[in-house]
Amino acid sequence: VPAAEQAAVSAAEAAAAAEAAHAEALAREAAAQEASIVAQNAWLEETTSVGELTKTLGSFDGVALERAVALESSQKKLSELSDLLQKFRNHAAGGAQDPAVGAPVAADAPAADDVPADAVAQSAAPEESVAA
C-alpha cells in the first residue's frame, strides 16, 4: 500500500504544482492585458493630441495671411503719417516751398524719427488766431 499512497501523494503534489503554475499564468495574462490597455489608452491620447495640433497648425496659414495684410496696412499708414509729419515740420521751420505740395522744405529739419512724441504733440496744437 505504501506505493499506492506514494503515488497518490505524488499526484496531489503534481496537481498542486499545476494549479500554482496555472494561477501564475493567469496572473501574467492579467498583467499583460492591463499593460495592453494602458498602452492603448496612451496611444489614443497621443493620437488625439497629434490630431488637435495638426488642426491648429492648419489654421496658421490663414492667421499668418491676416496678420501680414494688417502689418502691410499699418506700415503704409505709418509711412504716410511720417511723410505728413515731415511736411508739417518743414512748413513749421519756414523752409523753402516744396513745389509738389506747396509746403516749405527746410534743409535742416529733423527726420520724423528724431523728434520726441511730446514735441510733436505740442507743435501739433492749433495756434490761437486773433480775429481782425
N, C-alpha and C. Protein backbone atom coordinates (compact mmCIF):
# COMPACT_ATOMS: atom_id res chain seq x y z
N VAL A 1 0.83 -1.19 0.00
CA VAL A 1 0.00 0.00 0.00
C VAL A 1 0.88 1.26 0.00
N PRO A 2 2.04 1.18 0.54
CA PRO A 2 2.83 2.40 0.54
C PRO A 2 3.07 2.92 -0.86
N ALA A 3 3.17 2.06 -1.83
CA ALA A 3 3.39 2.54 -3.18
C ALA A 3 2.18 3.29 -3.69
N ALA A 4 1.01 2.81 -3.34
CA ALA A 4 -0.22 3.48 -3.76
C ALA A 4 -0.34 4.83 -3.07
N GLU A 5 0.04 4.87 -1.81
CA GLU A 5 -0.01 6.15 -1.09
C GLU A 5 1.01 7.12 -1.66
N GLN A 6 2.15 6.58 -1.97
CA GLN A 6 3.19 7.44 -2.53
C GLN A 6 2.75 7.97 -3.90
N ALA A 7 2.08 7.20 -4.68
CA ALA A 7 1.59 7.63 -5.98
C ALA A 7 0.51 8.68 -5.80
N ALA A 8 -0.33 8.50 -4.80
CA ALA A 8 -1.39 9.48 -4.54
C ALA A 8 -0.79 10.81 -4.10
N VAL A 9 0.25 10.73 -3.25
CA VAL A 9 0.91 11.95 -2.78
C VAL A 9 1.58 12.64 -3.95
N SER A 10 2.22 11.86 -4.79
CA SER A 10 2.89 12.44 -5.96
C SER A 10 1.87 13.08 -6.89
N ALA A 11 0.73 12.45 -7.07
CA ALA A 11 -0.32 13.00 -7.94
C ALA A 11 -0.87 14.29 -7.34
N ALA A 12 -1.06 14.31 -6.03
CA ALA A 12 -1.57 15.51 -5.35
C ALA A 12 -0.57 16.65 -5.46
N GLU A 13 0.72 16.32 -5.29
CA GLU A 13 1.76 17.35 -5.41
C GLU A 13 1.81 17.87 -6.84
N ALA A 14 1.66 16.99 -7.80
CA ALA A 14 1.68 17.40 -9.21
C ALA A 14 0.48 18.28 -9.52
N ALA A 15 -0.68 17.92 -8.96
CA ALA A 15 -1.89 18.72 -9.18
C ALA A 15 -1.74 20.10 -8.54
N ALA A 16 -1.15 20.16 -7.37
CA ALA A 16 -0.94 21.44 -6.69
C ALA A 16 0.04 22.30 -7.46
N ALA A 17 1.10 21.67 -7.98
CA ALA A 17 2.09 22.41 -8.78
C ALA A 17 1.45 22.92 -10.06
N ALA A 18 0.60 22.10 -10.68
CA ALA A 18 -0.07 22.51 -11.91
C ALA A 18 -1.03 23.67 -11.63
N GLU A 19 -1.75 23.61 -10.51
CA GLU A 19 -2.66 24.70 -10.15
C GLU A 19 -1.89 25.99 -9.88
N ALA A 20 -0.75 25.88 -9.22
CA ALA A 20 0.08 27.07 -8.95
C ALA A 20 0.60 27.66 -10.25
N ALA A 21 1.04 26.79 -11.17
CA ALA A 21 1.53 27.27 -12.47
C ALA A 21 0.39 27.93 -13.24
N HIS A 22 -0.79 27.34 -13.15
CA HIS A 22 -1.97 27.91 -13.84
C HIS A 22 -2.32 29.28 -13.26
N ALA A 23 -2.30 29.37 -11.95
CA ALA A 23 -2.60 30.66 -11.30
C ALA A 23 -1.56 31.72 -11.68
N GLU A 24 -0.29 31.31 -11.75
CA GLU A 24 0.77 32.24 -12.15
C GLU A 24 0.58 32.68 -13.60
N ALA A 25 0.19 31.75 -14.45
CA ALA A 25 -0.05 32.08 -15.86
C ALA A 25 -1.23 33.04 -15.99
N LEU A 26 -2.28 32.81 -15.20
CA LEU A 26 -3.43 33.72 -15.21
C LEU A 26 -3.03 35.12 -14.74
N ALA A 27 -2.18 35.20 -13.73
CA ALA A 27 -1.72 36.50 -13.22
C ALA A 27 -0.89 37.22 -14.28
N ARG A 28 -0.02 36.48 -14.98
CA ARG A 28 0.79 37.09 -16.05
C ARG A 28 -0.12 37.58 -17.18
N GLU A 29 -1.15 36.78 -17.50
CA GLU A 29 -2.08 37.18 -18.56
C GLU A 29 -2.83 38.46 -18.16
N ALA A 30 -3.28 38.54 -16.93
CA ALA A 30 -3.99 39.72 -16.45
C ALA A 30 -3.08 40.95 -16.48
N ALA A 31 -1.82 40.77 -16.08
CA ALA A 31 -0.87 41.88 -16.10
C ALA A 31 -0.61 42.33 -17.55
N ALA A 32 -0.50 41.37 -18.46
CA ALA A 32 -0.28 41.70 -19.87
C ALA A 32 -1.49 42.43 -20.45
N GLN A 33 -2.70 42.00 -20.09
CA GLN A 33 -3.91 42.67 -20.56
C GLN A 33 -3.97 44.10 -20.02
N GLU A 34 -3.62 44.29 -18.78
CA GLU A 34 -3.62 45.63 -18.17
C GLU A 34 -2.59 46.52 -18.87
N ALA A 35 -1.41 45.98 -19.13
CA ALA A 35 -0.38 46.75 -19.83
C ALA A 35 -0.84 47.12 -21.24
N SER A 36 -1.53 46.20 -21.89
CA SER A 36 -2.05 46.47 -23.23
C SER A 36 -3.10 47.59 -23.20
N ILE A 37 -3.97 47.55 -22.22
CA ILE A 37 -5.00 48.59 -22.09
C ILE A 37 -4.35 49.95 -21.82
N VAL A 38 -3.36 49.99 -20.95
CA VAL A 38 -2.64 51.23 -20.65
C VAL A 38 -1.97 51.76 -21.91
N ALA A 39 -1.34 50.88 -22.68
CA ALA A 39 -0.67 51.29 -23.92
C ALA A 39 -1.68 51.80 -24.95
N GLN A 40 -2.81 51.14 -25.05
CA GLN A 40 -3.84 51.58 -26.00
C GLN A 40 -4.40 52.95 -25.60
N ASN A 41 -4.60 53.17 -24.32
CA ASN A 41 -5.08 54.48 -23.85
C ASN A 41 -4.06 55.57 -24.12
N ALA A 42 -2.79 55.27 -23.90
CA ALA A 42 -1.72 56.25 -24.19
C ALA A 42 -1.68 56.55 -25.67
N TRP A 43 -1.81 55.52 -26.50
CA TRP A 43 -1.82 55.72 -27.95
C TRP A 43 -2.99 56.61 -28.36
N LEU A 44 -4.15 56.36 -27.79
CA LEU A 44 -5.34 57.16 -28.11
C LEU A 44 -5.14 58.62 -27.71
N GLU A 45 -4.58 58.86 -26.53
CA GLU A 45 -4.33 60.23 -26.08
C GLU A 45 -3.34 60.93 -27.00
N GLU A 46 -2.28 60.24 -27.39
CA GLU A 46 -1.28 60.84 -28.27
C GLU A 46 -1.85 61.09 -29.67
N THR A 47 -2.64 60.16 -30.17
CA THR A 47 -3.26 60.34 -31.49
C THR A 47 -4.21 61.52 -31.47
N THR A 48 -4.97 61.66 -30.41
CA THR A 48 -5.87 62.80 -30.27
C THR A 48 -5.08 64.10 -30.21
N SER A 49 -4.01 64.12 -29.45
CA SER A 49 -3.17 65.30 -29.34
C SER A 49 -2.57 65.68 -30.69
N VAL A 50 -2.07 64.70 -31.42
CA VAL A 50 -1.49 64.96 -32.74
C VAL A 50 -2.55 65.52 -33.69
N GLY A 51 -3.74 64.96 -33.63
CA GLY A 51 -4.84 65.46 -34.47
C GLY A 51 -5.19 66.91 -34.15
N GLU A 52 -5.25 67.24 -32.88
CA GLU A 52 -5.56 68.62 -32.49
C GLU A 52 -4.46 69.57 -32.92
N LEU A 53 -3.20 69.16 -32.76
CA LEU A 53 -2.08 70.01 -33.16
C LEU A 53 -2.04 70.19 -34.68
N THR A 54 -2.35 69.14 -35.41
CA THR A 54 -2.39 69.23 -36.87
C THR A 54 -3.47 70.22 -37.30
N LYS A 55 -4.61 70.17 -36.65
CA LYS A 55 -5.70 71.10 -36.96
C LYS A 55 -5.28 72.53 -36.63
N THR A 56 -4.62 72.73 -35.50
CA THR A 56 -4.16 74.07 -35.11
C THR A 56 -3.13 74.59 -36.10
N LEU A 57 -2.17 73.75 -36.48
CA LEU A 57 -1.16 74.16 -37.44
C LEU A 57 -1.78 74.49 -38.80
N GLY A 58 -2.82 73.78 -39.16
CA GLY A 58 -3.50 74.04 -40.43
C GLY A 58 -4.15 75.41 -40.47
N SER A 59 -4.53 75.94 -39.32
CA SER A 59 -5.17 77.25 -39.29
C SER A 59 -4.15 78.39 -39.27
N PHE A 60 -2.85 78.08 -39.09
CA PHE A 60 -1.84 79.13 -39.03
C PHE A 60 -1.69 79.88 -40.34
N ASP A 61 -1.91 79.22 -41.48
CA ASP A 61 -1.76 79.89 -42.77
C ASP A 61 -2.72 81.07 -42.87
N GLY A 62 -3.97 80.86 -42.50
CA GLY A 62 -4.96 81.94 -42.56
C GLY A 62 -4.62 83.06 -41.60
N VAL A 63 -4.22 82.71 -40.40
CA VAL A 63 -3.87 83.72 -39.40
C VAL A 63 -2.64 84.50 -39.86
N ALA A 64 -1.66 83.81 -40.39
CA ALA A 64 -0.44 84.48 -40.86
C ALA A 64 -0.78 85.44 -42.00
N LEU A 65 -1.65 85.03 -42.90
CA LEU A 65 -2.05 85.90 -44.01
C LEU A 65 -2.77 87.14 -43.49
N GLU A 66 -3.70 86.96 -42.56
CA GLU A 66 -4.42 88.09 -41.99
C GLU A 66 -3.45 89.07 -41.33
N ARG A 67 -2.51 88.55 -40.58
CA ARG A 67 -1.56 89.42 -39.88
C ARG A 67 -0.60 90.10 -40.85
N ALA A 68 -0.25 89.42 -41.93
CA ALA A 68 0.62 90.04 -42.94
C ALA A 68 -0.10 91.21 -43.61
N VAL A 69 -1.38 91.03 -43.90
CA VAL A 69 -2.17 92.11 -44.52
C VAL A 69 -2.29 93.28 -43.54
N ALA A 70 -2.57 93.00 -42.27
CA ALA A 70 -2.68 94.06 -41.26
C ALA A 70 -1.34 94.78 -41.09
N LEU A 71 -0.25 94.04 -41.09
CA LEU A 71 1.08 94.65 -40.96
C LEU A 71 1.37 95.55 -42.16
N GLU A 72 1.08 95.08 -43.34
CA GLU A 72 1.31 95.89 -44.55
C GLU A 72 0.49 97.17 -44.51
N SER A 73 -0.76 97.07 -44.09
CA SER A 73 -1.62 98.25 -43.97
C SER A 73 -1.07 99.23 -42.95
N SER A 74 -0.63 98.71 -41.80
CA SER A 74 -0.08 99.58 -40.75
C SER A 74 1.21 100.24 -41.21
N GLN A 75 2.05 99.50 -41.92
CA GLN A 75 3.29 100.08 -42.42
C GLN A 75 3.01 101.18 -43.44
N LYS A 76 2.00 100.99 -44.28
CA LYS A 76 1.63 102.01 -45.26
C LYS A 76 1.13 103.26 -44.54
N LYS A 77 0.28 103.09 -43.53
CA LYS A 77 -0.23 104.23 -42.77
C LYS A 77 0.90 104.95 -42.06
N LEU A 78 1.85 104.20 -41.48
CA LEU A 78 2.98 104.80 -40.80
C LEU A 78 3.81 105.63 -41.78
N SER A 79 4.03 105.08 -42.95
CA SER A 79 4.80 105.80 -43.97
C SER A 79 4.09 107.10 -44.36
N GLU A 80 2.78 107.03 -44.57
CA GLU A 80 2.02 108.22 -44.94
C GLU A 80 2.07 109.27 -43.83
N LEU A 81 1.93 108.81 -42.58
CA LEU A 81 1.96 109.76 -41.46
C LEU A 81 3.36 110.34 -41.27
N SER A 82 4.40 109.54 -41.50
CA SER A 82 5.77 110.05 -41.40
C SER A 82 6.01 111.12 -42.46
N ASP A 83 5.52 110.88 -43.68
CA ASP A 83 5.65 111.88 -44.74
C ASP A 83 4.91 113.16 -44.37
N LEU A 84 3.70 113.00 -43.86
CA LEU A 84 2.91 114.17 -43.47
C LEU A 84 3.59 114.93 -42.34
N LEU A 85 4.13 114.22 -41.37
CA LEU A 85 4.82 114.86 -40.26
C LEU A 85 6.04 115.62 -40.76
N GLN A 86 6.79 115.03 -41.68
CA GLN A 86 7.97 115.70 -42.22
C GLN A 86 7.56 116.98 -42.96
N LYS A 87 6.48 116.93 -43.71
CA LYS A 87 5.99 118.12 -44.42
C LYS A 87 5.57 119.19 -43.42
N PHE A 88 4.91 118.76 -42.35
CA PHE A 88 4.50 119.71 -41.31
C PHE A 88 5.71 120.37 -40.67
N ARG A 89 6.70 119.58 -40.35
CA ARG A 89 7.92 120.14 -39.74
C ARG A 89 8.63 121.10 -40.69
N ASN A 90 8.70 120.73 -41.93
CA ASN A 90 9.32 121.61 -42.92
C ASN A 90 8.56 122.94 -42.99
N HIS A 91 7.26 122.86 -43.00
CA HIS A 91 6.43 124.06 -43.05
C HIS A 91 6.62 124.90 -41.78
N ALA A 92 6.62 124.22 -40.64
CA ALA A 92 6.77 124.93 -39.36
C ALA A 92 8.15 125.56 -39.24
N ALA A 93 9.16 124.97 -39.87
CA ALA A 93 10.51 125.51 -39.80
C ALA A 93 10.68 126.70 -40.75
N GLY A 94 9.71 126.97 -41.60
CA GLY A 94 9.78 128.11 -42.50
C GLY A 94 10.75 127.90 -43.64
N GLY A 95 10.93 126.67 -44.06
CA GLY A 95 11.87 126.36 -45.14
C GLY A 95 11.29 126.73 -46.49
N ALA A 96 12.03 126.40 -47.55
CA ALA A 96 11.62 126.69 -48.91
C ALA A 96 10.37 125.89 -49.25
N GLN A 97 9.62 126.37 -50.23
CA GLN A 97 8.39 125.71 -50.63
C GLN A 97 8.69 124.44 -51.43
N ASP A 98 8.00 123.38 -51.09
CA ASP A 98 8.08 122.14 -51.87
C ASP A 98 7.12 122.31 -53.03
N PRO A 99 7.60 122.30 -54.26
CA PRO A 99 6.72 122.55 -55.39
C PRO A 99 5.60 121.53 -55.53
N ALA A 100 5.80 120.31 -55.05
CA ALA A 100 4.77 119.29 -55.20
C ALA A 100 3.57 119.54 -54.32
N VAL A 101 3.78 120.08 -53.13
CA VAL A 101 2.67 120.26 -52.20
C VAL A 101 2.51 121.69 -51.72
N GLY A 102 3.41 122.55 -52.11
CA GLY A 102 3.31 123.94 -51.69
C GLY A 102 3.70 124.16 -50.25
N ALA A 103 4.39 123.17 -49.63
CA ALA A 103 4.81 123.31 -48.24
C ALA A 103 6.28 123.67 -48.21
N PRO A 104 6.71 124.40 -47.19
CA PRO A 104 8.12 124.75 -47.10
C PRO A 104 9.00 123.51 -46.87
N VAL A 105 10.20 123.56 -47.37
CA VAL A 105 11.16 122.48 -47.18
C VAL A 105 12.37 123.06 -46.48
N ALA A 106 12.64 122.62 -45.28
CA ALA A 106 13.81 123.11 -44.54
C ALA A 106 14.91 122.07 -44.66
N ALA A 107 16.08 122.51 -45.04
CA ALA A 107 17.20 121.59 -45.21
C ALA A 107 17.65 121.01 -43.88
N ASP A 108 17.49 121.76 -42.80
CA ASP A 108 17.96 121.28 -41.51
C ASP A 108 16.83 120.72 -40.63
N ALA A 109 15.67 120.46 -41.22
CA ALA A 109 14.54 119.94 -40.44
C ALA A 109 14.88 118.52 -39.98
N PRO A 110 14.56 118.18 -38.71
CA PRO A 110 14.87 116.84 -38.21
C PRO A 110 14.00 115.79 -38.87
N ALA A 111 14.52 114.59 -38.97
CA ALA A 111 13.73 113.49 -39.51
C ALA A 111 12.61 113.15 -38.54
N ALA A 112 11.56 112.52 -39.05
CA ALA A 112 10.40 112.21 -38.22
C ALA A 112 10.77 111.35 -37.02
N ASP A 113 11.74 110.50 -37.17
CA ASP A 113 12.12 109.62 -36.06
C ASP A 113 12.99 110.32 -35.01
N ASP A 114 13.53 111.52 -35.32
CA ASP A 114 14.44 112.20 -34.42
C ASP A 114 13.75 113.09 -33.40
N VAL A 115 12.45 113.31 -33.54
CA VAL A 115 11.74 114.24 -32.67
C VAL A 115 10.90 113.45 -31.68
N PRO A 116 10.98 113.78 -30.38
CA PRO A 116 10.18 113.07 -29.39
C PRO A 116 8.68 113.28 -29.64
N ALA A 117 7.89 112.29 -29.25
CA ALA A 117 6.45 112.34 -29.48
C ALA A 117 5.79 113.52 -28.77
N ASP A 118 6.27 113.90 -27.56
CA ASP A 118 5.65 115.02 -26.85
C ASP A 118 5.92 116.34 -27.56
N ALA A 119 7.04 116.45 -28.25
CA ALA A 119 7.32 117.67 -29.02
C ALA A 119 6.38 117.76 -30.21
N VAL A 120 6.08 116.61 -30.80
CA VAL A 120 5.15 116.60 -31.93
C VAL A 120 3.76 117.00 -31.46
N ALA A 121 3.34 116.49 -30.31
CA ALA A 121 2.02 116.80 -29.78
C ALA A 121 1.91 118.29 -29.48
N GLN A 122 2.97 118.89 -28.93
CA GLN A 122 2.94 120.32 -28.62
C GLN A 122 2.92 121.15 -29.89
N SER A 123 3.69 120.73 -30.89
CA SER A 123 3.74 121.51 -32.13
C SER A 123 2.48 121.32 -32.94
N ALA A 124 1.74 120.25 -32.70
CA ALA A 124 0.52 120.00 -33.46
C ALA A 124 -0.66 120.76 -32.89
N ALA A 125 -0.53 121.36 -31.70
CA ALA A 125 -1.63 122.12 -31.10
C ALA A 125 -1.91 123.33 -31.96
N PRO A 126 -3.18 123.62 -32.25
CA PRO A 126 -3.52 124.78 -33.09
C PRO A 126 -3.13 126.09 -32.39
N GLU A 127 -2.62 127.00 -33.22
CA GLU A 127 -2.26 128.31 -32.67
C GLU A 127 -3.52 129.16 -32.59
N GLU A 128 -3.53 130.01 -31.59
CA GLU A 128 -4.68 130.91 -31.46
C GLU A 128 -4.53 132.04 -32.48
N SER A 129 -5.59 132.30 -33.16
CA SER A 129 -5.54 133.40 -34.13
C SER A 129 -6.38 134.55 -33.60
N VAL A 130 -5.94 135.72 -33.95
CA VAL A 130 -6.64 136.91 -33.49
C VAL A 130 -7.53 137.38 -34.62
N ALA A 131 -8.80 137.48 -34.37
CA ALA A 131 -9.73 137.93 -35.41
C ALA A 131 -9.61 139.44 -35.56
N ALA A 132 -9.64 139.91 -36.80
CA ALA A 132 -9.48 141.34 -37.06
C ALA A 132 -10.76 142.08 -36.90
